[in-house]
Amino acid sequence: MKISTKLAVASAALALIAGSSYAASASDNWDNSCASCHGADGKAQTKTGKKLKIKDYTDATVQAGLKDDEMTKAITEGIKGDNGKEKMKSFKDELSADEIKDLIGFIRKFKA
């Protein structure tokens, strides 16, 4: 096999591996998965945010009450209301553990 062919095969394999392990940024994940309800600014002043009475992540008191392990569980498993109806879907099949951790860090930055 010629060196140029080996190099092409190796480059293609590397591109495939790199593409399959791509993790979106926390900002992209927020925009794509969270902002429609929680608001781009974290204040939850969206139609859905108001209806579901979602907490304002810019409020220092709200932030103080948020525990990382509880947020991880909510993002991973979703949230159900008192009536058992889904309030927030699970993201366990969409976000990796590292993406969830980064997303929690992103949420923490909303604190005023």
Protein backbone atom coordinates (compact mmCIF):
# COMPACT_ATOMS: atom_id res chain seq x y z
CA MET A 1 0.00 0.00 0.00
CA LYS A 2 1.37 3.37 -0.92
CA ILE A 3 2.11 5.93 1.78
CA SER A 4 -0.50 8.34 0.35
CA THR A 5 -3.19 5.64 0.56
CA LYS A 6 -2.22 4.77 4.14
CA LEU A 7 -2.31 8.44 5.02
CA ALA A 8 -5.75 8.88 3.46
CA VAL A 9 -7.13 5.85 5.33
CA ALA A 10 -5.65 7.06 8.62
CA SER A 11 -7.05 10.56 8.08
CA ALA A 12 -10.52 9.21 7.35
CA ALA A 13 -10.43 7.00 10.45
CA LEU A 14 -9.30 9.93 12.61
CA ALA A 15 -12.08 12.14 11.23
CA LEU A 16 -14.65 9.44 11.97
CA ILE A 17 -13.42 8.99 15.53
CA ALA A 18 -13.29 12.74 16.17
CA GLY A 19 -16.78 13.23 14.76
CA SER A 20 -18.31 10.50 16.86
CA SER A 21 -16.98 11.94 20.13
CA TYR A 22 -18.13 15.50 19.50
CA ALA A 23 -19.69 17.16 22.51
CA ALA A 24 -21.75 20.29 22.04
CA SER A 25 -20.92 23.33 24.13
CA ALA A 26 -23.02 24.08 27.19
CA SER A 27 -24.24 27.22 25.46
CA ASP A 28 -25.38 25.24 22.42
CA ASN A 29 -27.08 22.65 24.62
CA TRP A 30 -28.84 25.42 26.56
CA ASP A 31 -30.01 27.09 23.34
CA ASN A 32 -31.16 23.81 21.78
CA SER A 33 -32.68 22.04 24.79
CA CYS A 34 -33.44 24.49 27.59
CA ALA A 35 -34.01 28.07 26.42
CA SER A 36 -37.48 27.44 24.97
CA CYS A 37 -38.81 26.95 28.52
CA HIS A 38 -36.15 28.46 30.80
CA GLY A 39 -35.51 31.47 28.53
CA ALA A 40 -32.29 32.44 26.82
CA ASP A 41 -31.43 34.52 29.90
CA GLY A 42 -32.46 31.88 32.47
CA LYS A 43 -35.34 33.99 33.83
CA ALA A 44 -38.05 31.56 32.62
CA GLN A 45 -40.17 34.39 31.26
CA THR A 46 -41.35 32.26 28.35
CA LYS A 47 -44.93 31.12 27.82
CA THR A 48 -44.03 27.63 29.06
CA GLY A 49 -41.83 28.96 31.86
CA LYS A 50 -44.66 31.06 33.23
CA LYS A 51 -47.22 28.26 32.86
CA LEU A 52 -45.01 25.73 34.69
CA LYS A 53 -43.78 28.32 37.21
CA ILE A 54 -40.15 27.56 36.39
CA LYS A 55 -37.62 29.16 38.71
CA ASP A 56 -35.59 32.23 37.72
CA TYR A 57 -31.97 31.11 37.52
CA THR A 58 -30.74 34.70 37.82
CA ASP A 59 -32.12 34.87 41.38
CA ALA A 60 -29.33 34.30 43.94
CA THR A 61 -31.80 32.71 46.38
CA VAL A 62 -32.94 30.22 43.73
CA GLN A 63 -29.32 29.43 42.85
CA ALA A 64 -28.47 28.87 46.52
CA GLY A 65 -31.26 26.31 46.74
CA LEU A 66 -30.13 24.40 43.66
CA LYS A 67 -27.90 21.42 44.37
CA ASP A 68 -25.70 20.05 41.61
CA ASP A 69 -26.75 16.45 42.24
CA GLU A 70 -30.43 17.41 42.10
CA MET A 71 -29.91 19.32 38.84
CA THR A 72 -28.01 16.36 37.40
CA LYS A 73 -30.89 14.06 38.31
CA ALA A 74 -33.48 16.45 36.83
CA ILE A 75 -31.58 16.80 33.55
CA THR A 76 -30.84 13.08 33.33
CA GLU A 77 -34.22 11.69 34.42
CA GLY A 78 -36.56 14.59 33.67
CA ILE A 79 -39.16 16.03 36.05
CA LYS A 80 -42.72 14.91 36.68
CA GLY A 81 -45.40 17.04 38.31
CA ASP A 82 -47.46 16.06 41.34
CA ASN A 83 -49.99 14.55 38.93
CA GLY A 84 -47.29 12.30 37.42
CA LYS A 85 -47.32 14.21 34.13
CA GLU A 86 -43.98 15.06 32.56
CA LYS A 87 -42.92 18.66 33.21
CA MET A 88 -39.42 18.31 31.77
CA LYS A 89 -38.23 15.52 29.55
CA SER A 90 -35.20 13.38 30.26
CA PHE A 91 -31.99 14.23 28.44
CA LYS A 92 -30.10 11.03 29.34
CA ASP A 93 -30.16 9.87 25.72
CA GLU A 94 -29.15 13.26 24.32
CA LEU A 95 -26.46 14.60 26.65
CA SER A 96 -23.35 12.92 27.98
CA ALA A 97 -22.38 13.11 31.64
CA ASP A 98 -19.76 15.73 30.76
CA GLU A 99 -22.29 17.79 28.80
CA ILE A 100 -24.68 17.70 31.76
CA LYS A 101 -21.91 18.79 34.12
CA ASP A 102 -20.99 21.65 31.76
CA LEU A 103 -24.66 22.62 31.46
CA ILE A 104 -24.94 22.89 35.25
CA GLY A 105 -21.89 25.17 35.25
CA PHE A 106 -23.59 27.25 32.54
CA ILE A 107 -26.75 27.53 34.67
CA ARG A 108 -24.65 28.70 37.63
CA LYS A 109 -23.42 31.64 35.53
CA PHE A 110 -26.94 33.09 35.36
CA LYS A 111 -26.77 34.10 39.04
CA ALA A 112 -26.94 37.86 39.32
